Structures are given as structure tokens and as C-alpha cells.
Amino acid sequence: MLNDNQTRYVRAHLLQHKQIGRNHCLSLYISRLGAIIHRLKNRGMNIEGDYEKVGNGKDYVYRLIEAEPEVSRGNSTKNLDSLQGAVA
């Protein structure tokens, strides 16, 4: 089962930075980024991904194309900084 804190972190990061990379997520112990992206797409976010050259290697980067507002589920929205400590 996916961690809801990780899903919220990825969503907030995409909304703030318009992209998120697999290597970035792995550094935060978020190993199921593809599954999280699938979940976010099902919730109305238009996200595309592709490989990007990074140094001597490459990283898979997801880019936010468009996001529909998420319906509130009764939880208060937390900012990106407060979620970063809760993802692992």
C-alpha cells in the first residue's frame, strides 16, 4: 500500500516545482514514484514523464502539465516543508 504522506509530498512538489525526478524521490526513500504518479493521474493531474540527462547518467523526470483542484477530504493542506520530514 502506498504511503499517503509520500503521495501528498509528490503532489505538493509537482504543484510547486512543476516536475519531480526519480532520483530526488529515491533520496527521500520514496521508491514507488510510478505508482504515486498513477494515483495522481487518476485524481485529475495531467503528468508526463521522460528521461533527462543528468551529469554522466540519466534520471526519469515527471512533469506536471495541468492539475485540476483536488477536492478537500477534511484534512488541512500542509506546505511542502512540513511534509518533507514525514515522507520516510
N, C-alpha and C. Protein backbone atom coordinates (compact mmCIF):
# COMPACT_ATOMS: atom_id res chain seq x y z
N MET A 1 0.85 -1.18 0.00
CA MET A 1 0.00 0.00 0.00
C MET A 1 0.89 1.24 0.00
N LEU A 2 0.47 2.25 -0.74
CA LEU A 2 1.23 3.48 -0.82
C LEU A 2 1.03 4.33 0.42
N ASN A 3 2.08 5.02 0.78
CA ASN A 3 2.06 5.92 1.93
C ASN A 3 1.40 7.24 1.51
N ASP A 4 0.33 7.64 2.20
CA ASP A 4 -0.38 8.88 1.86
C ASP A 4 0.51 10.11 2.02
N ASN A 5 1.43 10.10 2.98
CA ASN A 5 2.35 11.23 3.14
C ASN A 5 3.23 11.38 1.91
N GLN A 6 3.67 10.26 1.35
CA GLN A 6 4.50 10.31 0.15
C GLN A 6 3.70 10.85 -1.03
N THR A 7 2.47 10.42 -1.16
CA THR A 7 1.61 10.91 -2.24
C THR A 7 1.39 12.42 -2.10
N ARG A 8 1.12 12.88 -0.89
CA ARG A 8 0.93 14.32 -0.67
C ARG A 8 2.21 15.09 -0.97
N TYR A 9 3.36 14.54 -0.59
CA TYR A 9 4.63 15.21 -0.86
C TYR A 9 4.85 15.35 -2.36
N VAL A 10 4.67 14.26 -3.10
CA VAL A 10 4.88 14.29 -4.55
C VAL A 10 3.93 15.28 -5.20
N ARG A 11 2.67 15.27 -4.80
CA ARG A 11 1.68 16.21 -5.35
C ARG A 11 2.09 17.66 -5.07
N ALA A 12 2.46 17.95 -3.83
CA ALA A 12 2.86 19.31 -3.46
C ALA A 12 4.12 19.73 -4.23
N HIS A 13 5.06 18.82 -4.37
CA HIS A 13 6.30 19.13 -5.10
C HIS A 13 5.99 19.43 -6.57
N LEU A 14 5.13 18.63 -7.17
CA LEU A 14 4.75 18.87 -8.56
C LEU A 14 4.05 20.22 -8.71
N LEU A 15 3.16 20.55 -7.81
CA LEU A 15 2.44 21.82 -7.88
C LEU A 15 3.39 23.01 -7.71
N GLN A 16 4.38 22.85 -6.84
CA GLN A 16 5.30 23.96 -6.57
C GLN A 16 6.41 24.07 -7.62
N HIS A 17 6.98 22.95 -8.05
CA HIS A 17 8.15 22.97 -8.93
C HIS A 17 7.85 22.53 -10.36
N LYS A 18 6.66 22.02 -10.61
CA LYS A 18 6.21 21.58 -11.94
C LYS A 18 6.92 20.32 -12.44
N GLN A 19 7.82 19.74 -11.67
CA GLN A 19 8.46 18.49 -12.06
C GLN A 19 9.04 17.80 -10.83
N ILE A 20 9.25 16.48 -10.97
CA ILE A 20 9.88 15.72 -9.90
C ILE A 20 10.62 14.55 -10.53
N GLY A 21 11.81 14.28 -10.03
CA GLY A 21 12.64 13.22 -10.58
C GLY A 21 12.69 12.00 -9.68
N ARG A 22 12.92 10.86 -10.32
CA ARG A 22 13.01 9.60 -9.58
C ARG A 22 14.18 9.63 -8.60
N ASN A 23 15.32 10.17 -9.01
CA ASN A 23 16.48 10.21 -8.11
C ASN A 23 16.20 11.06 -6.88
N HIS A 24 15.50 12.17 -7.07
CA HIS A 24 15.12 13.02 -5.93
C HIS A 24 14.27 12.22 -4.94
N CYS A 25 13.30 11.50 -5.48
CA CYS A 25 12.40 10.72 -4.62
C CYS A 25 13.15 9.58 -3.92
N LEU A 26 14.03 8.93 -4.64
CA LEU A 26 14.80 7.85 -4.01
C LEU A 26 15.65 8.38 -2.85
N SER A 27 16.15 9.61 -2.97
CA SER A 27 16.93 10.19 -1.89
C SER A 27 16.08 10.43 -0.64
N LEU A 28 14.74 10.49 -0.82
CA LEU A 28 13.81 10.67 0.30
C LEU A 28 13.12 9.36 0.68
N TYR A 29 13.65 8.24 0.14
CA TYR A 29 13.10 6.90 0.40
C TYR A 29 11.68 6.73 -0.14
N ILE A 30 11.39 7.42 -1.24
CA ILE A 30 10.13 7.23 -1.95
C ILE A 30 10.48 6.36 -3.15
N SER A 31 10.24 5.07 -3.04
CA SER A 31 10.68 4.14 -4.08
C SER A 31 9.58 3.79 -5.09
N ARG A 32 8.33 4.12 -4.81
CA ARG A 32 7.22 3.75 -5.69
C ARG A 32 6.65 4.97 -6.40
N LEU A 33 7.53 5.78 -6.97
CA LEU A 33 7.10 7.02 -7.61
C LEU A 33 6.14 6.76 -8.77
N GLY A 34 6.39 5.73 -9.56
CA GLY A 34 5.50 5.41 -10.68
C GLY A 34 4.08 5.14 -10.21
N ALA A 35 3.94 4.42 -9.12
CA ALA A 35 2.61 4.12 -8.57
C ALA A 35 1.95 5.38 -8.03
N ILE A 36 2.73 6.26 -7.43
CA ILE A 36 2.19 7.52 -6.91
C ILE A 36 1.72 8.40 -8.07
N ILE A 37 2.51 8.46 -9.15
CA ILE A 37 2.12 9.24 -10.32
C ILE A 37 0.83 8.68 -10.92
N HIS A 38 0.71 7.38 -10.98
CA HIS A 38 -0.51 6.75 -11.48
C HIS A 38 -1.72 7.17 -10.63
N ARG A 39 -1.56 7.16 -9.32
CA ARG A 39 -2.63 7.58 -8.41
C ARG A 39 -3.01 9.05 -8.66
N LEU A 40 -2.00 9.91 -8.82
CA LEU A 40 -2.26 11.34 -9.04
C LEU A 40 -2.94 11.57 -10.39
N LYS A 41 -2.57 10.79 -11.40
CA LYS A 41 -3.25 10.90 -12.70
C LYS A 41 -4.72 10.53 -12.57
N ASN A 42 -5.01 9.51 -11.77
CA ASN A 42 -6.40 9.10 -11.55
C ASN A 42 -7.19 10.17 -10.80
N ARG A 43 -6.50 11.04 -10.10
CA ARG A 43 -7.15 12.13 -9.37
C ARG A 43 -7.24 13.41 -10.18
N GLY A 44 -6.89 13.37 -11.46
CA GLY A 44 -7.09 14.52 -12.33
C GLY A 44 -5.85 15.31 -12.70
N MET A 45 -4.67 14.85 -12.33
CA MET A 45 -3.46 15.58 -12.70
C MET A 45 -2.97 15.04 -14.05
N ASN A 46 -2.61 15.94 -14.94
CA ASN A 46 -2.04 15.57 -16.23
C ASN A 46 -0.52 15.62 -16.09
N ILE A 47 0.11 14.45 -16.09
CA ILE A 47 1.55 14.35 -15.85
C ILE A 47 2.16 13.52 -16.96
N GLU A 48 3.31 13.99 -17.46
CA GLU A 48 4.07 13.25 -18.47
C GLU A 48 5.48 13.05 -17.95
N GLY A 49 6.12 11.99 -18.40
CA GLY A 49 7.47 11.71 -17.94
C GLY A 49 8.38 11.28 -19.07
N ASP A 50 9.68 11.52 -18.86
CA ASP A 50 10.68 11.11 -19.83
C ASP A 50 12.06 11.15 -19.16
N TYR A 51 13.01 10.48 -19.81
CA TYR A 51 14.38 10.50 -19.28
C TYR A 51 15.03 11.84 -19.57
N GLU A 52 15.89 12.26 -18.63
CA GLU A 52 16.61 13.52 -18.75
C GLU A 52 18.07 13.25 -18.40
N LYS A 53 18.98 13.82 -19.17
CA LYS A 53 20.41 13.65 -18.91
C LYS A 53 20.81 14.43 -17.66
N VAL A 54 21.49 13.75 -16.75
CA VAL A 54 21.95 14.37 -15.52
C VAL A 54 23.40 13.96 -15.32
N GLY A 55 24.32 14.91 -15.47
CA GLY A 55 25.74 14.58 -15.33
C GLY A 55 26.13 13.52 -16.36
N ASN A 56 26.72 12.41 -15.88
CA ASN A 56 27.10 11.32 -16.76
C ASN A 56 26.01 10.27 -16.89
N GLY A 57 24.90 10.46 -16.20
CA GLY A 57 23.82 9.48 -16.21
C GLY A 57 22.52 10.08 -16.68
N LYS A 58 21.43 9.47 -16.23
CA LYS A 58 20.11 9.98 -16.59
C LYS A 58 19.16 9.74 -15.42
N ASP A 59 18.07 10.49 -15.44
CA ASP A 59 17.05 10.41 -14.41
C ASP A 59 15.69 10.44 -15.12
N TYR A 60 14.72 9.73 -14.56
CA TYR A 60 13.37 9.80 -15.11
C TYR A 60 12.64 10.91 -14.38
N VAL A 61 12.17 11.90 -15.15
CA VAL A 61 11.55 13.09 -14.58
C VAL A 61 10.10 13.18 -15.05
N TYR A 62 9.20 13.38 -14.08
CA TYR A 62 7.78 13.60 -14.36
C TYR A 62 7.52 15.09 -14.34
N ARG A 63 6.77 15.56 -15.33
CA ARG A 63 6.43 16.98 -15.42
C ARG A 63 4.92 17.17 -15.34
N LEU A 64 4.52 18.16 -14.57
CA LEU A 64 3.11 18.49 -14.43
C LEU A 64 2.68 19.35 -15.62
N ILE A 65 1.70 18.85 -16.36
CA ILE A 65 1.16 19.59 -17.50
C ILE A 65 -0.03 20.43 -17.04
N GLU A 66 -0.91 19.82 -16.27
CA GLU A 66 -2.11 20.51 -15.80
C GLU A 66 -2.63 19.78 -14.56
N ALA A 67 -3.19 20.53 -13.62
CA ALA A 67 -3.75 19.92 -12.42
C ALA A 67 -5.12 20.50 -12.14
N GLU A 68 -6.08 19.62 -11.94
CA GLU A 68 -7.39 20.06 -11.50
C GLU A 68 -7.36 20.18 -10.00
N PRO A 69 -8.10 21.12 -9.43
CA PRO A 69 -8.10 21.26 -7.97
C PRO A 69 -8.60 19.99 -7.30
N GLU A 70 -7.89 19.58 -6.26
CA GLU A 70 -8.28 18.38 -5.53
C GLU A 70 -9.37 18.72 -4.53
N VAL A 71 -10.35 17.87 -4.44
CA VAL A 71 -11.46 18.07 -3.50
C VAL A 71 -10.93 17.82 -2.09
N SER A 72 -11.23 18.72 -1.20
CA SER A 72 -10.78 18.59 0.18
C SER A 72 -11.40 17.37 0.84
N ARG A 73 -10.60 16.65 1.58
CA ARG A 73 -11.08 15.47 2.29
C ARG A 73 -11.15 15.71 3.79
N GLY A 74 -11.23 16.97 4.16
CA GLY A 74 -11.34 17.29 5.57
C GLY A 74 -10.00 17.50 6.25
N ASN A 75 -8.91 17.20 5.58
CA ASN A 75 -7.58 17.42 6.15
C ASN A 75 -7.10 18.79 5.75
N SER A 76 -6.37 19.44 6.62
CA SER A 76 -5.82 20.72 6.28
C SER A 76 -4.65 20.51 5.33
N THR A 77 -4.44 21.45 4.42
CA THR A 77 -3.35 21.36 3.48
C THR A 77 -2.07 21.77 4.18
N LYS A 78 -1.05 20.93 4.07
CA LYS A 78 0.24 21.23 4.68
C LYS A 78 1.17 21.73 3.60
N ASN A 79 2.13 22.56 3.99
CA ASN A 79 3.07 23.03 2.99
C ASN A 79 4.15 21.99 2.75
N LEU A 80 4.92 22.18 1.71
CA LEU A 80 5.92 21.21 1.26
C LEU A 80 6.97 20.94 2.33
N ASP A 81 7.41 21.96 3.05
CA ASP A 81 8.44 21.76 4.07
C ASP A 81 7.98 20.86 5.20
N SER A 82 6.74 20.98 5.61
CA SER A 82 6.26 20.15 6.72
C SER A 82 6.08 18.71 6.28
N LEU A 83 5.85 18.47 4.99
CA LEU A 83 5.68 17.10 4.51
C LEU A 83 7.01 16.39 4.32
N GLN A 84 8.07 17.14 4.03
CA GLN A 84 9.36 16.51 3.73
C GLN A 84 9.84 15.66 4.89
N GLY A 85 9.62 16.05 6.10
CA GLY A 85 10.06 15.28 7.25
C GLY A 85 9.22 14.03 7.48
N ALA A 86 8.05 13.97 6.87
CA ALA A 86 7.13 12.85 7.13
C ALA A 86 7.11 11.82 6.03
N VAL A 87 7.92 11.95 4.98
CA VAL A 87 7.81 11.02 3.86
C VAL A 87 8.48 9.69 4.11
N ALA A 88 9.49 9.65 4.90
CA ALA A 88 10.24 8.39 5.08
C ALA A 88 9.59 7.47 6.06
